[in-house]
N, C-alpha and C. Protein backbone atom coordinates (compact mmCIF):
# COMPACT_ATOMS: atom_id res chain seq x y z
N MET A 1 0.84 -1.43 0.07
CA MET A 1 -0.46 0.12 0.19
C MET A 1 0.89 1.09 0.36
N THR A 2 0.71 2.00 -0.91
CA THR A 2 1.15 3.70 -0.86
C THR A 2 0.44 4.64 -0.03
N VAL A 3 1.25 5.43 0.38
CA VAL A 3 0.33 6.23 1.41
C VAL A 3 0.82 7.60 0.76
N HIS A 4 -0.21 8.80 -0.29
CA HIS A 4 0.54 10.12 -0.58
C HIS A 4 -0.31 10.83 0.36
N PHE A 5 0.23 11.69 0.79
CA PHE A 5 -0.14 13.29 1.41
C PHE A 5 -0.32 14.67 0.02
N ILE A 6 -1.28 15.31 0.33
CA ILE A 6 -1.33 16.37 -0.82
C ILE A 6 -1.42 17.86 0.07
N GLY A 7 -1.00 18.36 -0.02
CA GLY A 7 -0.40 19.67 0.77
C GLY A 7 -2.13 20.43 0.24
N ALA A 8 -2.86 21.20 1.04
CA ALA A 8 -3.97 21.66 0.21
C ALA A 8 -3.97 23.56 -0.17
N GLY A 9 -3.08 23.78 0.20
CA GLY A 9 -2.17 24.63 -0.90
C GLY A 9 -3.16 25.93 0.59
N PRO A 10 -2.95 27.17 0.22
CA PRO A 10 -3.24 28.65 0.48
C PRO A 10 -4.55 28.30 1.10
N GLY A 11 -5.48 27.93 0.66
CA GLY A 11 -6.55 27.42 0.41
C GLY A 11 -7.87 27.58 -0.69
N ALA A 12 -7.35 28.12 -2.11
CA ALA A 12 -7.97 28.49 -3.34
C ALA A 12 -7.92 26.24 -3.35
N ALA A 13 -9.31 26.54 -3.59
CA ALA A 13 -9.45 25.20 -4.67
C ALA A 13 -8.80 25.10 -6.22
N ASP A 14 -8.61 26.06 -6.50
CA ASP A 14 -8.34 26.45 -8.16
C ASP A 14 -6.26 25.40 -8.14
N LEU A 15 -5.61 26.15 -6.74
CA LEU A 15 -4.53 25.80 -6.50
C LEU A 15 -4.03 24.88 -6.68
N ILE A 16 -4.76 23.18 -6.56
CA ILE A 16 -4.12 22.25 -6.30
C ILE A 16 -3.11 22.23 -7.46
N THR A 17 -2.00 21.23 -7.58
CA THR A 17 -1.62 21.01 -8.60
C THR A 17 -1.99 19.80 -9.47
N LEU A 18 -1.85 19.37 -10.37
CA LEU A 18 -1.79 18.63 -12.02
C LEU A 18 -1.88 17.13 -11.01
N ARG A 19 -0.50 16.68 -10.19
CA ARG A 19 -0.27 15.85 -9.20
C ARG A 19 -1.39 15.09 -8.11
N GLY A 20 -1.54 16.41 -7.63
CA GLY A 20 -2.21 16.50 -6.48
C GLY A 20 -3.88 16.06 -6.58
N SER A 21 -4.23 16.28 -8.10
CA SER A 21 -5.78 16.41 -8.86
C SER A 21 -5.69 14.95 -9.22
N ARG A 22 -4.27 14.80 -9.70
CA ARG A 22 -4.96 13.03 -10.76
C ARG A 22 -4.21 11.63 -9.56
N LEU A 23 -4.07 12.19 -8.52
CA LEU A 23 -3.92 11.15 -7.13
C LEU A 23 -5.12 11.39 -6.47
N LEU A 24 -5.75 12.36 -6.19
CA LEU A 24 -7.11 12.41 -5.69
C LEU A 24 -7.78 11.26 -6.44
N ALA A 25 -8.06 11.61 -7.72
CA ALA A 25 -8.75 10.93 -8.99
C ALA A 25 -8.64 9.61 -8.88
N SER A 26 -7.76 8.82 -8.54
CA SER A 26 -7.33 7.45 -8.60
C SER A 26 -7.24 6.59 -7.19
N CYS A 27 -7.23 7.51 -6.14
CA CYS A 27 -7.42 6.66 -4.49
C CYS A 27 -8.49 6.56 -4.15
N PRO A 28 -8.51 4.68 -3.85
CA PRO A 28 -10.18 4.26 -3.78
C PRO A 28 -9.99 4.95 -2.27
N VAL A 29 -9.18 5.55 -1.15
CA VAL A 29 -9.50 5.87 -0.06
C VAL A 29 -9.27 6.85 0.70
N CYS A 30 -9.53 8.41 0.89
CA CYS A 30 -9.36 9.44 1.02
C CYS A 30 -9.21 10.21 2.35
N LEU A 31 -8.34 10.30 3.16
CA LEU A 31 -8.28 10.97 4.84
C LEU A 31 -8.22 12.09 4.41
N TYR A 32 -9.10 12.89 5.37
CA TYR A 32 -8.99 14.11 4.80
C TYR A 32 -9.37 15.51 6.09
N ALA A 33 -9.27 16.60 7.00
CA ALA A 33 -9.17 17.34 7.90
C ALA A 33 -10.09 18.65 7.87
N GLY A 34 -11.19 18.13 7.72
CA GLY A 34 -12.71 18.53 7.04
C GLY A 34 -12.45 20.28 8.16
N SER A 35 -11.88 20.87 9.11
CA SER A 35 -11.41 21.67 9.09
C SER A 35 -11.04 22.77 8.49
N ILE A 36 -9.99 21.76 7.85
CA ILE A 36 -9.20 23.12 6.58
C ILE A 36 -8.93 22.29 5.68
N VAL A 37 -9.80 21.51 5.28
CA VAL A 37 -9.50 21.49 3.66
C VAL A 37 -11.54 21.84 3.09
N SER A 38 -11.25 22.16 1.82
CA SER A 38 -12.02 22.82 1.17
C SER A 38 -13.15 21.43 0.46
N PRO A 39 -14.00 21.80 0.49
CA PRO A 39 -15.18 20.59 -0.08
C PRO A 39 -14.87 20.80 -1.15
N GLU A 40 -14.65 22.09 -1.98
CA GLU A 40 -13.88 21.48 -3.59
C GLU A 40 -12.91 20.90 -4.02
N LEU A 41 -11.74 20.74 -3.01
CA LEU A 41 -10.46 19.77 -3.17
C LEU A 41 -11.41 17.90 -3.53
N LEU A 42 -12.28 18.26 -2.55
CA LEU A 42 -12.73 16.41 -2.75
C LEU A 42 -13.67 16.02 -3.86
N GLN A 43 -14.38 17.18 -4.46
CA GLN A 43 -14.96 16.53 -6.24
C GLN A 43 -14.04 16.57 -6.77
N HIS A 44 -12.47 16.65 -6.51
CA HIS A 44 -11.60 15.38 -8.17
C HIS A 44 -11.57 14.10 -7.58
N CYS A 45 -11.52 13.51 -6.30
CA CYS A 45 -11.67 12.35 -5.98
C CYS A 45 -13.17 11.52 -6.83
N ALA A 46 -12.67 10.34 -7.10
CA ALA A 46 -13.45 9.52 -8.44
C ALA A 46 -14.55 9.44 -7.57
N PRO A 47 -15.72 8.92 -8.46
CA PRO A 47 -17.35 8.59 -7.16
C PRO A 47 -16.73 7.39 -6.88
N GLY A 48 -17.47 6.95 -5.70
CA GLY A 48 -16.98 5.73 -4.91
C GLY A 48 -16.02 5.61 -4.19
N THR A 49 -15.50 7.15 -3.72
CA THR A 49 -13.80 6.79 -3.46
C THR A 49 -14.34 7.22 -1.91
N LYS A 50 -14.16 6.01 -1.43
CA LYS A 50 -14.14 6.17 0.46
C LYS A 50 -13.53 7.92 1.46
N LEU A 51 -14.26 8.90 1.57
CA LEU A 51 -14.10 9.59 2.00
C LEU A 51 -14.39 9.92 3.56
N ILE A 52 -13.10 9.95 4.21
CA ILE A 52 -13.03 10.35 5.69
C ILE A 52 -12.65 11.21 5.75
N ASP A 53 -13.39 11.72 7.11
CA ASP A 53 -13.35 12.99 7.83
C ASP A 53 -12.46 13.06 9.16
């Protein structure tokens, strides 16, 4: 199993890197801190991705 850490950046959801977007699109499980991660960033996850706040 490989674990990737993707920074949320300065807050604007459109500033995510291409690599970060691709990793989110391909991961089966996404652990995130809802208090600091914009819900817009989670839209990069594929349908069916297990989201854990």
